[in-house]
Amino acid sequence: MITAEGTKRCSMCGEYKPITEFHRQTRGDGLAYRCKPCGRIHLRQRREKDPETFREYGRRWHEANPGKKAAFDRRYYERNGDKIRAKVLERYYENHEQNLEAARRKRDADRPRLRAYEFQRSLRRHYGITEQDYADLLAAQEGVCAICGKECATGKRLAVDHNHATGNVRGLLCQACNLALGQFRESRELLAAAIAYLEERG
């Protein structure tokens, strides 16, 4: 009940406060039962007690009022932009080391996935094959180099060997054999000359 002095008693803290300290509502005398500070405390307690109900209420409200939350946030930011930016910077510097550590952990966790993605993209871009095509080639070669018959000594994947003139993939090679072909410029004449040289001079 509003007093003659323009105050009202909060049902939570029991204090008489100016009516400006109460939110408006349609029931009773047109003002909330609790003052604004007590209302926030009460709401927080209810949210902590039953968070799922509040999340569901929020979802329904957003569906029924598309754009209202965004408009409210935009107006709030226009009024309080400097304060928000200052708070963000303060939190950033307060938690700088923790943020760096969290970023490092995320980067380490994402590294295998990123490597797999880069491998798939490289196969498509440079050789026009898929990861499954690569797996099929590897199975056909029983997991070893098509020239020396061994796994790559570096522990890396076998490299895709292709004809630079036609672009056709020839097979999978270890790093040593792949580099050797490149050094001989994939020339049959040079390779034959090298074989003849070894046969002649041991």
Protein backbone atom coordinates (compact mmCIF):
# COMPACT_ATOMS: atom_id res chain seq x y z
CA MET A 1 0.00 0.00 0.00
CA ILE A 2 1.29 3.46 -0.94
CA THR A 3 1.45 5.87 2.00
CA ALA A 4 0.42 9.51 1.98
CA GLU A 5 4.10 10.46 1.89
CA GLY A 6 4.55 8.67 -1.44
CA THR A 7 6.40 5.69 -0.03
CA LYS A 8 5.76 1.99 0.11
CA ARG A 9 6.90 -0.82 2.37
CA CYS A 10 9.00 -3.55 0.69
CA SER A 11 7.66 -7.00 1.51
CA MET A 12 11.20 -8.42 1.56
CA CYS A 13 13.39 -5.97 3.47
CA GLY A 14 10.51 -4.30 5.35
CA GLU A 15 11.77 -0.77 4.65
CA TYR A 16 9.59 2.13 3.49
CA LYS A 17 11.01 3.51 0.25
CA PRO A 18 9.95 6.08 -2.37
CA ILE A 19 7.65 4.64 -5.02
CA THR A 20 10.39 5.28 -7.61
CA GLU A 21 12.24 2.38 -5.96
CA PHE A 22 9.53 -0.07 -7.09
CA HIS A 23 8.88 -1.47 -10.55
CA ARG A 24 5.40 -0.97 -12.00
CA GLN A 25 2.97 -3.86 -12.38
CA THR A 26 -0.73 -4.26 -13.23
CA ARG A 27 -1.80 -5.91 -9.98
CA GLY A 28 -2.72 -4.28 -6.65
CA ASP A 29 -1.61 -0.68 -6.28
CA GLY A 30 0.29 -0.80 -9.57
CA LEU A 31 3.71 -1.31 -7.96
CA ALA A 32 5.76 -4.44 -7.27
CA TYR A 33 5.70 -5.96 -3.78
CA ARG A 34 9.48 -5.77 -3.48
CA CYS A 35 11.76 -2.80 -4.01
CA LYS A 36 14.13 -2.95 -7.00
CA PRO A 37 17.23 -4.17 -5.08
CA CYS A 38 15.22 -6.85 -3.25
CA GLY A 39 13.49 -7.80 -6.51
CA ARG A 40 16.87 -8.48 -8.11
CA ILE A 41 17.93 -10.62 -5.14
CA HIS A 42 14.65 -12.55 -5.23
CA LEU A 43 14.92 -13.12 -8.98
CA ARG A 44 18.51 -14.34 -8.67
CA GLN A 45 17.53 -16.77 -5.92
CA ARG A 46 14.67 -18.17 -8.02
CA ARG A 47 16.94 -18.49 -11.05
CA GLU A 48 19.57 -20.37 -9.04
CA LYS A 49 16.91 -22.66 -7.59
CA ASP A 50 15.30 -23.56 -10.94
CA PRO A 51 17.56 -22.47 -13.85
CA GLU A 52 15.86 -24.66 -16.47
CA THR A 53 12.49 -22.95 -15.93
CA PHE A 54 14.10 -19.55 -16.50
CA ARG A 55 15.93 -20.75 -19.60
CA GLU A 56 12.67 -22.07 -21.03
CA TYR A 57 10.92 -18.79 -20.18
CA GLY A 58 13.73 -16.90 -21.94
CA ARG A 59 13.41 -19.08 -25.03
CA ARG A 60 9.65 -18.55 -25.22
CA TRP A 61 10.04 -14.80 -24.72
CA HIS A 62 12.61 -14.51 -27.52
CA GLU A 63 10.37 -16.49 -29.87
CA ALA A 64 7.38 -14.27 -29.05
CA ASN A 65 9.39 -11.02 -29.21
CA PRO A 66 11.91 -11.31 -32.04
CA GLY A 67 14.28 -8.38 -32.18
CA LYS A 68 13.27 -6.84 -28.83
CA LYS A 69 16.31 -8.19 -26.96
CA ALA A 70 18.66 -7.00 -29.70
CA ALA A 71 17.04 -3.55 -29.70
CA PHE A 72 17.29 -3.35 -25.90
CA ASP A 73 20.95 -4.42 -25.96
CA ARG A 74 21.68 -1.86 -28.67
CA ARG A 75 20.08 0.97 -26.66
CA TYR A 76 21.85 -0.14 -23.49
CA TYR A 77 25.21 -0.18 -25.27
CA GLU A 78 24.61 3.28 -26.74
CA ARG A 79 24.00 4.62 -23.23
CA ASN A 80 26.72 2.66 -21.45
CA GLY A 81 29.30 1.93 -24.16
CA ASP A 82 32.23 3.60 -22.38
CA LYS A 83 31.49 1.80 -19.12
CA ILE A 84 31.16 -1.57 -20.90
CA ARG A 85 34.42 -1.13 -22.82
CA ALA A 86 36.26 -0.10 -19.66
CA LYS A 87 34.92 -3.16 -17.83
CA VAL A 88 35.92 -5.46 -20.68
CA LEU A 89 39.48 -4.06 -20.69
CA GLU A 90 39.68 -4.36 -16.91
CA ARG A 91 38.64 -8.01 -17.02
CA TYR A 92 41.01 -8.66 -19.92
CA TYR A 93 44.05 -7.38 -18.04
CA GLU A 94 42.96 -9.02 -14.78
CA ASN A 95 42.76 -12.42 -16.51
CA HIS A 96 45.45 -11.97 -19.14
CA GLU A 97 47.56 -14.96 -18.11
CA GLN A 98 44.51 -17.21 -17.70
CA ASN A 99 43.27 -16.14 -21.13
CA LEU A 100 46.61 -16.96 -22.72
CA GLU A 101 46.67 -20.36 -21.06
CA ALA A 102 43.08 -21.08 -22.14
CA ALA A 103 43.93 -20.06 -25.71
CA ARG A 104 46.99 -22.33 -25.67
CA ARG A 105 44.95 -25.30 -24.42
CA LYS A 106 42.30 -24.69 -27.09
CA ARG A 107 44.97 -24.44 -29.79
CA ASP A 108 46.58 -27.69 -28.65
CA ALA A 109 43.20 -29.43 -28.55
CA ASP A 110 42.31 -28.15 -32.03
CA ARG A 111 45.69 -28.97 -33.62
CA PRO A 112 44.88 -32.57 -34.70
CA ARG A 113 41.57 -31.46 -36.22
CA LEU A 114 43.24 -28.55 -38.04
CA ARG A 115 46.01 -30.79 -39.35
CA ALA A 116 43.43 -33.26 -40.66
CA TYR A 117 41.54 -30.41 -42.33
CA GLU A 118 44.72 -29.01 -43.92
CA PHE A 119 45.63 -32.50 -45.19
CA GLN A 120 42.21 -32.93 -46.81
CA ARG A 121 42.37 -29.46 -48.37
CA SER A 122 45.90 -30.07 -49.68
CA LEU A 123 44.84 -33.35 -51.33
CA ARG A 124 41.93 -31.65 -53.09
CA ARG A 125 43.83 -28.53 -54.10
CA HIS A 126 47.13 -30.03 -55.31
CA TYR A 127 46.19 -33.51 -56.48
CA GLY A 128 42.41 -33.53 -57.01
CA ILE A 129 41.88 -36.55 -54.77
CA THR A 130 39.99 -37.16 -51.54
CA GLU A 131 41.20 -38.55 -48.24
CA GLN A 132 39.48 -41.83 -49.15
CA ASP A 133 41.44 -41.94 -52.43
CA TYR A 134 44.63 -41.52 -50.42
CA ALA A 135 43.58 -44.29 -48.03
CA ASP A 136 42.84 -46.61 -50.97
CA LEU A 137 46.29 -45.94 -52.47
CA LEU A 138 47.94 -46.55 -49.10
CA ALA A 139 46.08 -49.86 -48.68
CA ALA A 140 47.02 -50.96 -52.22
CA GLN A 141 50.69 -50.30 -51.37
CA GLU A 142 50.29 -52.08 -48.00
CA GLY A 143 51.23 -48.89 -46.18
CA VAL A 144 54.76 -48.59 -47.60
CA CYS A 145 56.57 -46.54 -50.23
CA ALA A 146 55.88 -47.60 -53.84
CA ILE A 147 59.64 -47.46 -54.65
CA CYS A 148 61.66 -48.63 -51.64
CA GLY A 149 58.88 -50.64 -49.97
CA LYS A 150 59.46 -49.02 -46.58
CA GLU A 151 57.62 -46.62 -44.34
CA CYS A 152 58.77 -42.99 -44.26
CA ALA A 153 61.81 -42.72 -41.98
CA THR A 154 60.64 -39.31 -40.72
CA GLY A 155 57.41 -40.81 -39.38
CA LYS A 156 55.35 -38.55 -41.63
CA ARG A 157 52.66 -39.63 -44.07
CA LEU A 158 53.79 -40.93 -47.43
CA ALA A 159 53.90 -38.12 -49.97
CA VAL A 160 51.62 -38.07 -53.00
CA ASP A 161 53.69 -38.47 -56.18
CA HIS A 162 52.16 -37.15 -59.39
CA ASN A 163 53.12 -36.49 -62.97
CA HIS A 164 53.78 -32.75 -63.22
CA ALA A 165 52.93 -32.70 -66.91
CA THR A 166 49.57 -34.50 -66.75
CA GLY A 167 48.68 -34.06 -63.07
CA ASN A 168 47.94 -37.78 -62.73
CA VAL A 169 48.70 -39.30 -59.32
CA ARG A 170 51.20 -42.15 -59.63
CA GLY A 171 51.46 -43.39 -56.07
CA LEU A 172 52.69 -42.67 -52.55
CA LEU A 173 56.38 -42.27 -51.77
CA CYS A 174 58.49 -41.84 -48.66
CA GLN A 175 60.23 -38.50 -48.28
CA ALA A 176 63.63 -39.82 -49.43
CA CYS A 177 62.30 -41.40 -52.64
CA ASN A 178 60.10 -38.42 -53.39
CA LEU A 179 63.04 -36.02 -53.00
CA ALA A 180 65.26 -38.30 -55.08
CA LEU A 181 62.81 -38.22 -57.99
CA GLY A 182 62.72 -34.47 -57.75
CA GLN A 183 66.51 -34.20 -57.73
CA PHE A 184 66.65 -36.30 -60.89
CA ARG A 185 63.95 -34.03 -62.36
CA GLU A 186 61.82 -37.17 -62.96
CA SER A 187 64.01 -37.85 -65.99
CA ARG A 188 64.20 -41.49 -67.12
CA GLU A 189 67.46 -40.71 -68.91
CA LEU A 190 69.10 -39.35 -65.77
CA LEU A 191 67.85 -42.27 -63.69
CA ALA A 192 69.10 -44.75 -66.28
CA ALA A 193 72.45 -42.96 -66.33
CA ALA A 194 72.64 -43.15 -62.54
CA ILE A 195 71.90 -46.90 -62.64
CA ALA A 196 74.55 -47.42 -65.32
CA TYR A 197 77.02 -45.39 -63.26
CA LEU A 198 76.43 -47.54 -60.17
CA GLU A 199 76.68 -50.78 -62.18
CA GLU A 200 79.91 -49.63 -63.79
CA ARG A 201 81.66 -48.23 -60.76
CA GLY A 202 80.07 -50.20 -57.96
